[in-house]
Amino acid sequence: MNLQDVKGQYDLIISLGSACNPALQLNRLNLRSFTSSPLDWSYSPYLSDVNRLLQNKFNGFMQIENMSLVDDSGDYVYFNDKMLRFPHQNLYKSTKSYIIQDTYYNIFSAHDFAIVPNKDWTDMYPKFKKNLDYRVNRFMKKMMSSKSILFIRWGAKYEEATELQKILSSLTKAQIRILILNPVDGIQTPTEVDWEINNVCMVNVPHDPNNVSTWDYVLDGILLRH
């Protein structure tokens, strides 16, 4: 499948990570189906872990007994949907955030737990989990009711993409397309690679996930049905 095959209108467009960049670009281009989906603001270094999460229908995702503080340096920023800003395509929010790992699924929350003096990150967990459960339930309902869905993932191996296609096909009766952007050092422009996987389009792209021209190129001709 190539980019030309991906172009068109979709009932649902979903980011599957690996970080927040796909969701931010979808938001910039008015291609987000709703405020947030379960993986929009997390970091999932391996698609195999996302595959397992989807296969399990998010069962046990971000349960507090599996969550561990891994970084309190404040290198990441806290935000929620009301705090997103896009002046000159940049995200602005000053409050720092903890990085918390779901050790069962190896997926990291980088923007959900604000660093607040004299407060532990666990104090914010109930609100976080309530919001996450709402997003998961909405995502699963949309998967069932939509007729056409585009999934977008930054970074994947061939075997992971093959497995993802099988899992998503088992979760929905919708016509699905999977668009994978694989970062490659040294290239200047996106280059399509035919993996010969049904409904999967893979594009090698420059390494910077915030490169607006990359996203404009690969998402050109993709529309969200309102």
N, C-alpha and C. Protein backbone atom coordinates (compact mmCIF):
# COMPACT_ATOMS: atom_id res chain seq x y z
N MET A 1 0.85 -1.19 0.00
CA MET A 1 0.00 0.00 0.00
C MET A 1 0.88 1.24 0.00
N ASN A 2 0.53 2.24 -0.78
CA ASN A 2 1.30 3.48 -0.83
C ASN A 2 0.48 4.66 -0.32
N LEU A 3 1.09 5.83 -0.28
CA LEU A 3 0.41 7.00 0.25
C LEU A 3 -0.83 7.36 -0.54
N GLN A 4 -0.80 7.14 -1.83
CA GLN A 4 -1.96 7.44 -2.64
C GLN A 4 -3.17 6.63 -2.20
N ASP A 5 -2.93 5.39 -1.77
CA ASP A 5 -4.01 4.52 -1.30
C ASP A 5 -4.57 4.99 0.04
N VAL A 6 -3.76 5.70 0.81
CA VAL A 6 -4.18 6.16 2.14
C VAL A 6 -5.03 7.42 2.05
N LYS A 7 -4.83 8.20 1.03
CA LYS A 7 -5.56 9.47 0.90
C LYS A 7 -7.07 9.22 0.85
N GLY A 8 -7.83 10.12 1.47
CA GLY A 8 -9.27 10.00 1.47
C GLY A 8 -9.86 10.45 2.78
N GLN A 9 -11.17 10.21 2.94
CA GLN A 9 -11.88 10.61 4.15
C GLN A 9 -12.01 9.44 5.11
N TYR A 10 -11.94 9.75 6.40
CA TYR A 10 -12.07 8.73 7.45
C TYR A 10 -13.04 9.21 8.52
N ASP A 11 -13.75 8.24 9.10
CA ASP A 11 -14.61 8.55 10.24
C ASP A 11 -13.80 8.78 11.50
N LEU A 12 -12.63 8.15 11.56
CA LEU A 12 -11.82 8.17 12.77
C LEU A 12 -10.35 8.15 12.38
N ILE A 13 -9.56 9.04 12.97
CA ILE A 13 -8.12 9.06 12.77
C ILE A 13 -7.47 9.02 14.15
N ILE A 14 -6.62 8.02 14.37
CA ILE A 14 -6.11 7.72 15.71
C ILE A 14 -4.59 7.65 15.69
N SER A 15 -3.96 8.29 16.69
CA SER A 15 -2.53 8.15 16.89
C SER A 15 -2.25 6.94 17.79
N LEU A 16 -1.27 6.13 17.38
CA LEU A 16 -0.80 5.01 18.20
C LEU A 16 0.62 5.27 18.69
N GLY A 17 1.00 6.52 18.86
CA GLY A 17 2.34 6.86 19.34
C GLY A 17 3.34 6.95 18.19
N SER A 18 4.64 6.91 18.51
CA SER A 18 5.17 6.45 19.77
C SER A 18 5.16 7.50 20.87
N ALA A 19 5.03 8.78 20.48
CA ALA A 19 4.96 9.83 21.48
C ALA A 19 3.78 10.75 21.14
N CYS A 20 3.85 11.99 21.61
CA CYS A 20 2.73 12.90 21.41
C CYS A 20 2.75 13.59 20.05
N ASN A 21 3.85 13.43 19.31
CA ASN A 21 3.99 14.17 18.05
C ASN A 21 2.88 13.91 17.04
N PRO A 22 2.49 12.65 16.79
CA PRO A 22 1.38 12.44 15.85
C PRO A 22 0.10 13.16 16.27
N ALA A 23 -0.23 13.10 17.55
CA ALA A 23 -1.45 13.76 18.02
C ALA A 23 -1.37 15.27 17.85
N LEU A 24 -0.20 15.84 18.12
CA LEU A 24 -0.03 17.28 17.95
C LEU A 24 -0.19 17.70 16.49
N GLN A 25 0.35 16.90 15.59
CA GLN A 25 0.24 17.23 14.17
C GLN A 25 -1.19 17.03 13.66
N LEU A 26 -1.86 16.00 14.14
CA LEU A 26 -3.27 15.82 13.78
C LEU A 26 -4.09 17.00 14.27
N ASN A 27 -3.78 17.47 15.46
CA ASN A 27 -4.49 18.63 16.00
C ASN A 27 -4.22 19.88 15.15
N ARG A 28 -2.98 20.06 14.75
CA ARG A 28 -2.61 21.22 13.92
C ARG A 28 -3.38 21.23 12.61
N LEU A 29 -3.60 20.04 12.05
CA LEU A 29 -4.25 19.93 10.75
C LEU A 29 -5.75 19.65 10.85
N ASN A 30 -6.29 19.78 12.08
CA ASN A 30 -7.73 19.56 12.31
C ASN A 30 -8.16 18.16 11.88
N LEU A 31 -7.33 17.17 12.22
CA LEU A 31 -7.63 15.79 11.87
C LEU A 31 -7.88 14.91 13.08
N ARG A 32 -8.04 15.50 14.24
CA ARG A 32 -8.32 14.70 15.43
C ARG A 32 -9.82 14.49 15.55
N SER A 33 -10.20 13.24 15.80
CA SER A 33 -11.62 12.89 15.85
C SER A 33 -12.26 13.35 17.15
N PHE A 34 -11.49 13.39 18.22
CA PHE A 34 -11.98 13.90 19.49
C PHE A 34 -10.79 14.40 20.28
N THR A 35 -11.05 14.94 21.47
CA THR A 35 -10.01 15.65 22.20
C THR A 35 -8.75 14.81 22.41
N SER A 36 -8.89 13.61 22.95
CA SER A 36 -7.72 12.76 23.18
C SER A 36 -8.11 11.29 23.10
N SER A 37 -7.21 10.50 22.51
CA SER A 37 -7.35 9.05 22.56
C SER A 37 -6.33 8.51 23.55
N PRO A 38 -6.41 7.24 23.92
CA PRO A 38 -5.64 6.74 25.06
C PRO A 38 -4.13 6.89 24.96
N LEU A 39 -3.57 6.89 23.75
CA LEU A 39 -2.11 6.92 23.60
C LEU A 39 -1.58 8.28 23.14
N ASP A 40 -2.43 9.28 23.05
CA ASP A 40 -2.00 10.57 22.50
C ASP A 40 -0.84 11.19 23.26
N TRP A 41 -0.88 11.14 24.59
CA TRP A 41 0.09 11.89 25.39
C TRP A 41 1.05 10.97 26.15
N SER A 42 1.23 9.76 25.66
CA SER A 42 2.15 8.82 26.29
C SER A 42 3.32 8.54 25.36
N TYR A 43 4.29 7.79 25.88
CA TYR A 43 5.44 7.37 25.08
C TYR A 43 5.51 5.85 25.10
N SER A 44 5.42 5.26 23.91
CA SER A 44 5.47 3.80 23.78
C SER A 44 6.61 3.45 22.83
N PRO A 45 7.80 3.16 23.36
CA PRO A 45 8.97 2.96 22.50
C PRO A 45 8.86 1.78 21.55
N TYR A 46 8.07 0.77 21.92
CA TYR A 46 7.97 -0.43 21.09
C TYR A 46 6.52 -0.69 20.70
N LEU A 47 6.29 -0.83 19.41
CA LEU A 47 4.93 -1.12 18.95
C LEU A 47 4.45 -2.46 19.46
N SER A 48 5.36 -3.38 19.73
CA SER A 48 4.96 -4.68 20.27
C SER A 48 4.19 -4.54 21.58
N ASP A 49 4.57 -3.55 22.40
CA ASP A 49 3.84 -3.31 23.65
C ASP A 49 2.46 -2.73 23.38
N VAL A 50 2.36 -1.84 22.40
CA VAL A 50 1.05 -1.30 22.01
C VAL A 50 0.17 -2.41 21.45
N ASN A 51 0.76 -3.30 20.67
CA ASN A 51 0.00 -4.44 20.16
C ASN A 51 -0.59 -5.27 21.29
N ARG A 52 0.22 -5.52 22.30
CA ARG A 52 -0.25 -6.30 23.45
C ARG A 52 -1.37 -5.56 24.17
N LEU A 53 -1.22 -4.25 24.31
CA LEU A 53 -2.25 -3.43 24.95
C LEU A 53 -3.56 -3.50 24.18
N LEU A 54 -3.49 -3.37 22.86
CA LEU A 54 -4.70 -3.45 22.04
C LEU A 54 -5.30 -4.84 22.07
N GLN A 55 -4.45 -5.86 22.02
CA GLN A 55 -4.94 -7.24 22.07
C GLN A 55 -5.71 -7.48 23.36
N ASN A 56 -5.24 -6.86 24.45
CA ASN A 56 -5.89 -7.01 25.75
C ASN A 56 -7.02 -6.00 25.97
N LYS A 57 -7.32 -5.21 24.94
CA LYS A 57 -8.37 -4.19 25.01
C LYS A 57 -8.17 -3.25 26.20
N PHE A 58 -6.92 -2.89 26.44
CA PHE A 58 -6.51 -1.93 27.47
C PHE A 58 -6.72 -2.46 28.89
N ASN A 59 -6.98 -3.73 29.04
CA ASN A 59 -7.18 -4.29 30.37
C ASN A 59 -5.92 -4.11 31.23
N GLY A 60 -6.07 -3.47 32.38
CA GLY A 60 -4.95 -3.26 33.29
C GLY A 60 -4.04 -2.11 32.93
N PHE A 61 -4.42 -1.31 31.93
CA PHE A 61 -3.56 -0.21 31.49
C PHE A 61 -3.46 0.86 32.56
N MET A 62 -2.24 1.22 32.90
CA MET A 62 -1.93 2.27 33.87
C MET A 62 -2.59 2.01 35.23
N GLN A 63 -2.64 0.74 35.62
CA GLN A 63 -3.07 0.44 36.99
C GLN A 63 -1.97 0.88 37.95
N ILE A 64 -2.36 1.48 39.05
CA ILE A 64 -1.39 2.13 39.92
C ILE A 64 -0.36 1.16 40.48
N GLU A 65 -0.74 -0.10 40.67
CA GLU A 65 0.22 -1.06 41.20
C GLU A 65 1.34 -1.38 40.21
N ASN A 66 1.13 -1.04 38.94
CA ASN A 66 2.14 -1.28 37.91
C ASN A 66 2.88 -0.01 37.50
N MET A 67 2.63 1.09 38.20
CA MET A 67 3.19 2.37 37.79
C MET A 67 4.35 2.78 38.69
N SER A 68 5.38 3.33 38.06
CA SER A 68 6.59 3.66 38.79
C SER A 68 7.15 4.99 38.31
N LEU A 69 7.56 5.83 39.25
CA LEU A 69 8.20 7.10 38.91
C LEU A 69 9.60 6.83 38.36
N VAL A 70 9.87 7.30 37.15
CA VAL A 70 11.18 7.06 36.54
C VAL A 70 11.96 8.35 36.29
N ASP A 71 11.31 9.50 36.34
CA ASP A 71 12.02 10.76 36.07
C ASP A 71 11.27 11.92 36.72
N ASP A 72 11.96 12.61 37.62
CA ASP A 72 11.36 13.79 38.25
C ASP A 72 12.16 15.05 37.93
N SER A 73 12.91 15.01 36.84
CA SER A 73 13.78 16.14 36.49
C SER A 73 13.02 17.34 35.96
N GLY A 74 11.78 17.13 35.52
CA GLY A 74 10.99 18.22 34.98
C GLY A 74 11.34 18.60 33.56
N ASP A 75 11.93 17.67 32.82
CA ASP A 75 12.30 17.95 31.43
C ASP A 75 11.08 17.94 30.50
N TYR A 76 9.98 17.41 30.99
CA TYR A 76 8.76 17.37 30.19
C TYR A 76 7.73 18.32 30.79
N VAL A 77 6.74 18.70 29.97
CA VAL A 77 5.74 19.65 30.44
C VAL A 77 4.41 18.96 30.67
N TYR A 78 3.68 19.50 31.62
CA TYR A 78 2.34 19.00 31.92
C TYR A 78 1.33 19.75 31.08
N PHE A 79 0.38 19.00 30.53
CA PHE A 79 -0.74 19.66 29.88
C PHE A 79 -1.94 18.74 29.85
N ASN A 80 -3.10 19.36 29.66
CA ASN A 80 -4.30 18.61 29.33
C ASN A 80 -4.93 19.29 28.12
N ASP A 81 -6.08 18.82 27.70
CA ASP A 81 -6.66 19.32 26.46
C ASP A 81 -6.91 20.83 26.48
N LYS A 82 -7.24 21.38 27.63
CA LYS A 82 -7.53 22.80 27.71
C LYS A 82 -6.26 23.65 27.69
N MET A 83 -5.11 23.00 27.87
CA MET A 83 -3.87 23.74 27.98
C MET A 83 -3.05 23.72 26.69
N LEU A 84 -3.54 23.10 25.63
CA LEU A 84 -2.80 23.04 24.38
C LEU A 84 -2.80 24.40 23.69
N ARG A 85 -1.63 24.82 23.24
CA ARG A 85 -1.50 26.06 22.50
C ARG A 85 -0.59 25.81 21.30
N PHE A 86 -0.85 26.48 20.20
CA PHE A 86 -0.04 26.28 19.01
C PHE A 86 0.45 27.60 18.40
N PRO A 87 1.12 28.46 19.18
CA PRO A 87 1.69 29.66 18.57
C PRO A 87 2.86 29.27 17.68
N HIS A 88 2.76 29.57 16.38
CA HIS A 88 3.82 29.25 15.43
C HIS A 88 4.19 27.77 15.47
N GLN A 89 3.18 26.93 15.62
CA GLN A 89 3.31 25.46 15.57
C GLN A 89 4.02 24.88 16.80
N ASN A 90 4.24 25.68 17.83
CA ASN A 90 4.93 25.17 19.01
C ASN A 90 3.95 24.98 20.16
N LEU A 91 4.21 23.96 20.97
CA LEU A 91 3.39 23.73 22.16
C LEU A 91 3.94 24.59 23.29
N TYR A 92 3.06 25.28 23.99
CA TYR A 92 3.50 26.09 25.11
C TYR A 92 2.75 25.71 26.37
N LYS A 93 3.48 25.34 27.39
CA LYS A 93 2.92 25.18 28.73
C LYS A 93 4.09 25.09 29.69
N SER A 94 4.05 25.84 30.75
CA SER A 94 5.23 26.00 31.58
C SER A 94 5.34 24.99 32.72
N THR A 95 4.24 24.39 33.15
CA THR A 95 4.28 23.49 34.30
C THR A 95 5.01 22.20 33.94
N LYS A 96 5.93 21.79 34.80
CA LYS A 96 6.73 20.59 34.56
C LYS A 96 5.96 19.34 34.95
N SER A 97 6.41 18.21 34.41
CA SER A 97 5.69 16.96 34.63
C SER A 97 6.64 15.82 34.98
N TYR A 98 6.16 14.92 35.83
CA TYR A 98 6.86 13.67 36.09
C TYR A 98 6.73 12.73 34.89
N ILE A 99 7.66 11.81 34.80
CA ILE A 99 7.51 10.70 33.86
C ILE A 99 7.24 9.44 34.68
N ILE A 100 6.10 8.82 34.40
CA ILE A 100 5.66 7.64 35.13
C ILE A 100 5.55 6.47 34.15
N GLN A 101 6.12 5.33 34.52
CA GLN A 101 6.10 4.16 33.64
C GLN A 101 5.06 3.15 34.08
N ASP A 102 4.27 2.69 33.13
CA ASP A 102 3.46 1.49 33.32
C ASP A 102 4.39 0.32 33.05
N THR A 103 4.84 -0.33 34.10
CA THR A 103 5.86 -1.37 33.95
C THR A 103 5.31 -2.65 33.32
N TYR A 104 4.00 -2.82 33.32
CA TYR A 104 3.41 -4.01 32.71
C TYR A 104 3.40 -3.89 31.19
N TYR A 105 3.01 -2.71 30.70
CA TYR A 105 2.94 -2.51 29.25
C TYR A 105 4.14 -1.74 28.69
N ASN A 106 5.04 -1.30 29.56
CA ASN A 106 6.22 -0.54 29.13
C ASN A 106 5.82 0.70 28.34
N ILE A 107 4.83 1.41 28.84
CA ILE A 107 4.36 2.65 28.24
C ILE A 107 4.47 3.75 29.30
N PHE A 108 4.90 4.93 28.88
CA PHE A 108 5.24 6.00 29.81
C PHE A 108 4.26 7.17 29.70
N SER A 109 3.83 7.67 30.86
CA SER A 109 3.09 8.92 30.91
C SER A 109 4.09 10.05 31.12
N ALA A 110 4.11 11.01 30.18
CA ALA A 110 5.08 12.09 30.27
C ALA A 110 4.45 13.46 30.49
N HIS A 111 3.14 13.55 30.41
CA HIS A 111 2.49 14.87 30.45
C HIS A 111 1.28 14.93 31.38
N ASP A 112 1.07 13.90 32.19
CA ASP A 112 -0.17 13.81 32.96
C ASP A 112 -0.03 14.15 34.43
N PHE A 113 1.18 14.07 34.96
CA PHE A 113 1.37 14.23 36.40
C PHE A 113 2.24 15.45 36.67
N ALA A 114 1.59 16.56 36.97
CA ALA A 114 2.31 17.82 37.18
C ALA A 114 3.19 17.75 38.43
N ILE A 115 4.35 18.37 38.33
CA ILE A 115 5.23 18.49 39.50
C ILE A 115 4.75 19.67 40.34
N VAL A 116 4.17 19.35 41.48
CA VAL A 116 3.59 20.36 42.36
C VAL A 116 4.29 20.26 43.71
N PRO A 117 4.80 21.37 44.25
CA PRO A 117 5.48 21.34 45.55
C PRO A 117 4.61 20.72 46.63
N ASN A 118 5.23 19.86 47.44
CA ASN A 118 4.58 19.21 48.58
C ASN A 118 3.45 18.27 48.18
N LYS A 119 3.46 17.82 46.91
CA LYS A 119 2.47 16.85 46.46
C LYS A 119 3.18 15.69 45.78
N ASP A 120 2.70 14.49 46.05
CA ASP A 120 3.22 13.31 45.39
C ASP A 120 2.44 13.07 44.10
N TRP A 121 3.09 12.43 43.12
CA TRP A 121 2.40 12.19 41.85
C TRP A 121 1.16 11.34 42.03
N THR A 122 1.16 10.48 43.07
CA THR A 122 0.01 9.60 43.29
C THR A 122 -1.24 10.38 43.69
N ASP A 123 -1.06 11.61 44.20
CA ASP A 123 -2.23 12.43 44.55
C ASP A 123 -3.07 12.76 43.31
N MET A 124 -2.42 12.77 42.16
CA MET A 124 -3.12 13.11 40.92
C MET A 124 -3.63 11.89 40.18
N TYR A 125 -3.33 10.71 40.71
CA TYR A 125 -3.69 9.48 39.99
C TYR A 125 -5.19 9.30 39.80
N PRO A 126 -6.05 9.49 40.81
CA PRO A 126 -7.49 9.25 40.60
C PRO A 126 -8.06 10.04 39.43
N LYS A 127 -7.72 11.32 39.32
CA LYS A 127 -8.22 12.13 38.21
C LYS A 127 -7.66 11.64 36.88
N PHE A 128 -6.37 11.31 36.88
CA PHE A 128 -5.74 10.78 35.66
C PHE A 128 -6.43 9.51 35.20
N LYS A 129 -6.67 8.59 36.12
CA LYS A 129 -7.25 7.29 35.75
C LYS A 129 -8.69 7.45 35.28
N LYS A 130 -9.42 8.35 35.89
CA LYS A 130 -10.79 8.61 35.45
C LYS A 130 -10.81 9.11 34.01
N ASN A 131 -9.93 10.05 33.71
CA ASN A 131 -9.85 10.58 32.34
C ASN A 131 -9.40 9.51 31.35
N LEU A 132 -8.43 8.71 31.76
CA LEU A 132 -7.92 7.65 30.88
C LEU A 132 -9.01 6.62 30.59
N ASP A 133 -9.73 6.20 31.60
CA ASP A 133 -10.80 5.22 31.40
C ASP A 133 -11.87 5.76 30.46
N TYR A 134 -12.17 7.04 30.58
CA TYR A 134 -13.14 7.66 29.67
C TYR A 134 -12.62 7.61 28.23
N ARG A 135 -11.35 7.91 28.05
CA ARG A 135 -10.77 7.89 26.71
C ARG A 135 -10.76 6.48 26.13
N VAL A 136 -10.44 5.51 26.96
CA VAL A 136 -10.42 4.12 26.50
C VAL A 136 -11.82 3.68 26.07
N ASN A 137 -12.81 3.96 26.90
CA ASN A 137 -14.19 3.56 26.57
C ASN A 137 -14.67 4.24 25.30
N ARG A 138 -14.36 5.51 25.14
CA ARG A 138 -14.75 6.24 23.94
C ARG A 138 -14.04 5.66 22.72
N PHE A 139 -12.78 5.36 22.86
CA PHE A 139 -12.00 4.77 21.76
C PHE A 139 -12.60 3.45 21.32
N MET A 140 -12.92 2.58 22.26
CA MET A 140 -13.46 1.26 21.92
C MET A 140 -14.84 1.39 21.26
N LYS A 141 -15.66 2.32 21.73
CA LYS A 141 -16.97 2.54 21.11
C LYS A 141 -16.82 3.06 19.68
N LYS A 142 -15.90 3.99 19.49
CA LYS A 142 -15.66 4.53 18.15
C LYS A 142 -15.12 3.46 17.21
N MET A 143 -14.33 2.57 17.73
CA MET A 143 -13.81 1.46 16.92
C MET A 143 -14.95 0.61 16.39
N MET A 144 -15.98 0.45 17.19
CA MET A 144 -17.11 -0.39 16.80
C MET A 144 -18.07 0.34 15.86
N SER A 145 -18.20 1.65 16.01
CA SER A 145 -19.22 2.38 15.25
C SER A 145 -18.70 3.00 13.96
N SER A 146 -17.39 3.14 13.82
CA SER A 146 -16.83 3.79 12.64
C SER A 146 -16.77 2.83 11.45
N LYS A 147 -16.91 3.39 10.26
CA LYS A 147 -16.83 2.59 9.04
C LYS A 147 -15.46 2.65 8.38
N SER A 148 -14.71 3.70 8.69
CA SER A 148 -13.36 3.83 8.13
C SER A 148 -12.45 4.47 9.17
N ILE A 149 -11.28 3.87 9.39
CA ILE A 149 -10.37 4.33 10.43
C ILE A 149 -8.94 4.37 9.89
N LEU A 150 -8.25 5.45 10.19
CA LEU A 150 -6.82 5.56 9.89
C LEU A 150 -6.05 5.58 11.20
N PHE A 151 -5.09 4.67 11.32
CA PHE A 151 -4.20 4.62 12.48
C PHE A 151 -2.83 5.12 12.05
N ILE A 152 -2.22 5.94 12.89
CA ILE A 152 -0.91 6.51 12.56
C ILE A 152 0.08 6.17 13.68
N ARG A 153 1.25 5.68 13.26
CA ARG A 153 2.27 5.28 14.23
C ARG A 153 3.64 5.78 13.78
N TRP A 154 4.36 6.38 14.73
CA TRP A 154 5.74 6.81 14.48
C TRP A 154 6.68 5.72 15.00
N GLY A 155 7.26 4.96 14.09
CA GLY A 155 8.25 3.96 14.46
C GLY A 155 7.67 2.57 14.63
N ALA A 156 8.09 1.64 13.75
CA ALA A 156 7.62 0.25 13.84
C ALA A 156 8.53 -0.66 13.03
N LYS A 157 8.60 -1.91 13.47
CA LYS A 157 9.29 -2.94 12.70
C LYS A 157 8.26 -3.70 11.86
N TYR A 158 8.76 -4.37 10.84
CA TYR A 158 7.88 -5.10 9.92
C TYR A 158 7.00 -6.09 10.68
N GLU A 159 7.61 -6.88 11.56
CA GLU A 159 6.85 -7.90 12.28
C GLU A 159 5.79 -7.27 13.18
N GLU A 160 6.12 -6.13 13.78
CA GLU A 160 5.16 -5.44 14.63
C GLU A 160 3.98 -4.91 13.82
N ALA A 161 4.28 -4.39 12.64
CA ALA A 161 3.21 -3.87 11.78
C ALA A 161 2.29 -4.98 11.31
N THR A 162 2.87 -6.13 11.00
CA THR A 162 2.06 -7.29 10.59
C THR A 162 1.11 -7.70 11.70
N GLU A 163 1.63 -7.75 12.92
CA GLU A 163 0.80 -8.12 14.07
C GLU A 163 -0.26 -7.06 14.36
N LEU A 164 0.11 -5.80 14.24
CA LEU A 164 -0.85 -4.72 14.47
C LEU A 164 -2.03 -4.82 13.51
N GLN A 165 -1.75 -5.09 12.26
CA GLN A 165 -2.82 -5.20 11.27
C GLN A 165 -3.79 -6.31 11.65
N LYS A 166 -3.28 -7.42 12.12
CA LYS A 166 -4.13 -8.54 12.51
C LYS A 166 -4.98 -8.19 13.73
N ILE A 167 -4.37 -7.53 14.70
CA ILE A 167 -5.08 -7.19 15.93
C ILE A 167 -6.19 -6.18 15.66
N LEU A 168 -5.87 -5.13 14.92
CA LEU A 168 -6.88 -4.11 14.63
C LEU A 168 -8.03 -4.68 13.81
N SER A 169 -7.72 -5.58 12.90
CA SER A 169 -8.78 -6.20 12.10
C SER A 169 -9.71 -7.03 12.95
N SER A 170 -9.20 -7.54 14.08
CA SER A 170 -10.04 -8.33 14.98
C SER A 170 -10.87 -7.46 15.91
N LEU A 171 -10.50 -6.18 16.04
CA LEU A 171 -11.18 -5.28 16.98
C LEU A 171 -12.29 -4.46 16.33
N THR A 172 -12.29 -4.37 15.02
CA THR A 172 -13.27 -3.53 14.34
C THR A 172 -13.65 -4.12 12.99
N LYS A 173 -14.86 -3.84 12.57
CA LYS A 173 -15.30 -4.24 11.24
C LYS A 173 -15.09 -3.12 10.22
N ALA A 174 -14.53 -2.02 10.68
CA ALA A 174 -14.31 -0.87 9.81
C ALA A 174 -13.24 -1.18 8.77
N GLN A 175 -13.27 -0.41 7.69
CA GLN A 175 -12.16 -0.44 6.75
C GLN A 175 -11.01 0.31 7.39
N ILE A 176 -9.88 -0.35 7.57
CA ILE A 176 -8.76 0.26 8.27
C ILE A 176 -7.60 0.52 7.32
N ARG A 177 -6.86 1.56 7.65
CA ARG A 177 -5.58 1.85 7.03
C ARG A 177 -4.60 2.15 8.15
N ILE A 178 -3.36 1.71 7.99
CA ILE A 178 -2.32 1.95 8.98
C ILE A 178 -1.18 2.69 8.29
N LEU A 179 -0.89 3.88 8.78
CA LEU A 179 0.19 4.70 8.23
C LEU A 179 1.34 4.73 9.22
N ILE A 180 2.48 4.20 8.81
CA ILE A 180 3.66 4.14 9.67
C ILE A 180 4.74 5.07 9.13
N LEU A 181 5.25 5.92 10.01
CA LEU A 181 6.38 6.78 9.68
C LEU A 181 7.60 6.25 10.42
N ASN A 182 8.60 5.80 9.69
CA ASN A 182 9.81 5.27 10.30
C ASN A 182 10.95 6.27 10.15
N PRO A 183 11.47 6.80 11.26
CA PRO A 183 12.55 7.78 11.18
C PRO A 183 13.86 7.13 10.74
N VAL A 184 14.53 7.78 9.79
CA VAL A 184 15.79 7.27 9.25
C VAL A 184 16.80 8.42 9.21
N ASP A 185 17.96 8.20 9.78
CA ASP A 185 19.01 9.22 9.75
C ASP A 185 19.50 9.46 8.33
N GLY A 186 19.75 10.72 8.01
CA GLY A 186 20.42 11.04 6.77
C GLY A 186 19.54 11.31 5.58
N ILE A 187 18.24 11.05 5.68
CA ILE A 187 17.37 11.35 4.53
C ILE A 187 16.73 12.72 4.72
N GLN A 188 16.42 13.36 3.61
CA GLN A 188 15.90 14.72 3.64
C GLN A 188 14.41 14.80 3.34
N THR A 189 13.90 13.81 2.64
CA THR A 189 12.49 13.82 2.25
C THR A 189 11.86 12.45 2.50
N PRO A 190 10.55 12.39 2.72
CA PRO A 190 9.88 11.10 2.92
C PRO A 190 10.02 10.20 1.70
N THR A 191 10.20 8.90 1.99
CA THR A 191 10.36 7.90 0.93
C THR A 191 9.49 6.70 1.25
N GLU A 192 8.60 6.36 0.34
CA GLU A 192 7.71 5.22 0.56
C GLU A 192 8.46 3.90 0.40
N VAL A 193 8.10 2.94 1.24
CA VAL A 193 8.66 1.59 1.17
C VAL A 193 7.49 0.61 1.22
N ASP A 194 7.40 -0.28 0.25
CA ASP A 194 6.29 -1.23 0.20
C ASP A 194 6.61 -2.46 1.03
N TRP A 195 5.95 -2.57 2.17
CA TRP A 195 6.14 -3.73 3.04
C TRP A 195 5.25 -4.90 2.62
N GLU A 196 4.36 -4.67 1.69
CA GLU A 196 3.47 -5.71 1.20
C GLU A 196 2.64 -6.34 2.32
N ILE A 197 2.16 -5.47 3.21
CA ILE A 197 1.24 -5.89 4.26
C ILE A 197 -0.11 -5.25 3.94
N ASN A 198 -1.16 -6.03 3.97
CA ASN A 198 -2.48 -5.50 3.66
C ASN A 198 -2.82 -4.30 4.55
N ASN A 199 -3.24 -3.22 3.91
CA ASN A 199 -3.74 -2.03 4.60
C ASN A 199 -2.67 -1.27 5.38
N VAL A 200 -1.40 -1.54 5.10
CA VAL A 200 -0.31 -0.85 5.80
C VAL A 200 0.53 -0.07 4.79
N CYS A 201 0.71 1.22 5.07
CA CYS A 201 1.59 2.07 4.27
C CYS A 201 2.76 2.49 5.16
N MET A 202 3.98 2.24 4.70
CA MET A 202 5.16 2.60 5.46
C MET A 202 5.98 3.63 4.70
N VAL A 203 6.39 4.67 5.42
CA VAL A 203 7.16 5.76 4.82
C VAL A 203 8.39 6.02 5.68
N ASN A 204 9.58 5.95 5.08
CA ASN A 204 10.78 6.41 5.75
C ASN A 204 10.80 7.93 5.74
N VAL A 205 11.10 8.53 6.90
CA VAL A 205 11.02 9.99 7.03
C VAL A 205 12.26 10.51 7.75
N PRO A 206 12.55 11.82 7.61
CA PRO A 206 13.62 12.42 8.41
C PRO A 206 13.40 12.20 9.90
N HIS A 207 14.48 12.22 10.65
CA HIS A 207 14.43 11.74 12.03
C HIS A 207 13.65 12.66 12.98
N ASP A 208 13.49 13.92 12.63
CA ASP A 208 12.84 14.87 13.53
C ASP A 208 11.32 14.68 13.52
N PRO A 209 10.72 14.24 14.64
CA PRO A 209 9.27 14.00 14.67
C PRO A 209 8.45 15.28 14.67
N ASN A 210 9.11 16.43 14.82
CA ASN A 210 8.41 17.71 14.81
C ASN A 210 8.55 18.45 13.48
N ASN A 211 9.08 17.76 12.49
CA ASN A 211 9.27 18.36 11.17
C ASN A 211 7.92 18.55 10.49
N VAL A 212 7.45 19.77 10.44
CA VAL A 212 6.11 20.06 9.91
C VAL A 212 6.00 19.66 8.45
N SER A 213 7.04 19.88 7.68
CA SER A 213 6.97 19.55 6.25
C SER A 213 6.80 18.05 6.03
N THR A 214 7.39 17.24 6.90
CA THR A 214 7.19 15.79 6.81
C THR A 214 5.73 15.43 6.99
N TRP A 215 5.13 15.97 8.04
CA TRP A 215 3.73 15.66 8.33
C TRP A 215 2.81 16.21 7.26
N ASP A 216 3.09 17.40 6.77
CA ASP A 216 2.27 17.96 5.70
C ASP A 216 2.31 17.07 4.45
N TYR A 217 3.46 16.50 4.19
CA TYR A 217 3.60 15.65 3.01
C TYR A 217 2.82 14.35 3.17
N VAL A 218 3.02 13.66 4.28
CA VAL A 218 2.40 12.33 4.42
C VAL A 218 0.90 12.42 4.69
N LEU A 219 0.44 13.53 5.27
CA LEU A 219 -0.98 13.67 5.59
C LEU A 219 -1.75 14.45 4.53
N ASP A 220 -1.07 14.85 3.47
CA ASP A 220 -1.75 15.56 2.40
C ASP A 220 -2.82 14.67 1.76
N GLY A 221 -4.01 15.21 1.61
CA GLY A 221 -5.10 14.45 1.00
C GLY A 221 -5.87 13.58 1.96
N ILE A 222 -5.51 13.61 3.24
CA ILE A 222 -6.23 12.86 4.27
C ILE A 222 -7.21 13.80 4.96
N LEU A 223 -8.46 13.39 5.04
CA LEU A 223 -9.52 14.24 5.57
C LEU A 223 -10.30 13.50 6.65
N LEU A 224 -10.82 14.26 7.59
CA LEU A 224 -11.68 13.71 8.64
C LEU A 224 -13.12 14.01 8.29
N ARG A 225 -13.93 12.98 8.23
CA ARG A 225 -15.35 13.15 7.91
C ARG A 225 -16.07 13.69 9.14
N HIS A 226 -16.76 14.80 9.00
CA HIS A 226 -17.46 15.43 10.14
C HIS A 226 -18.96 15.17 10.04
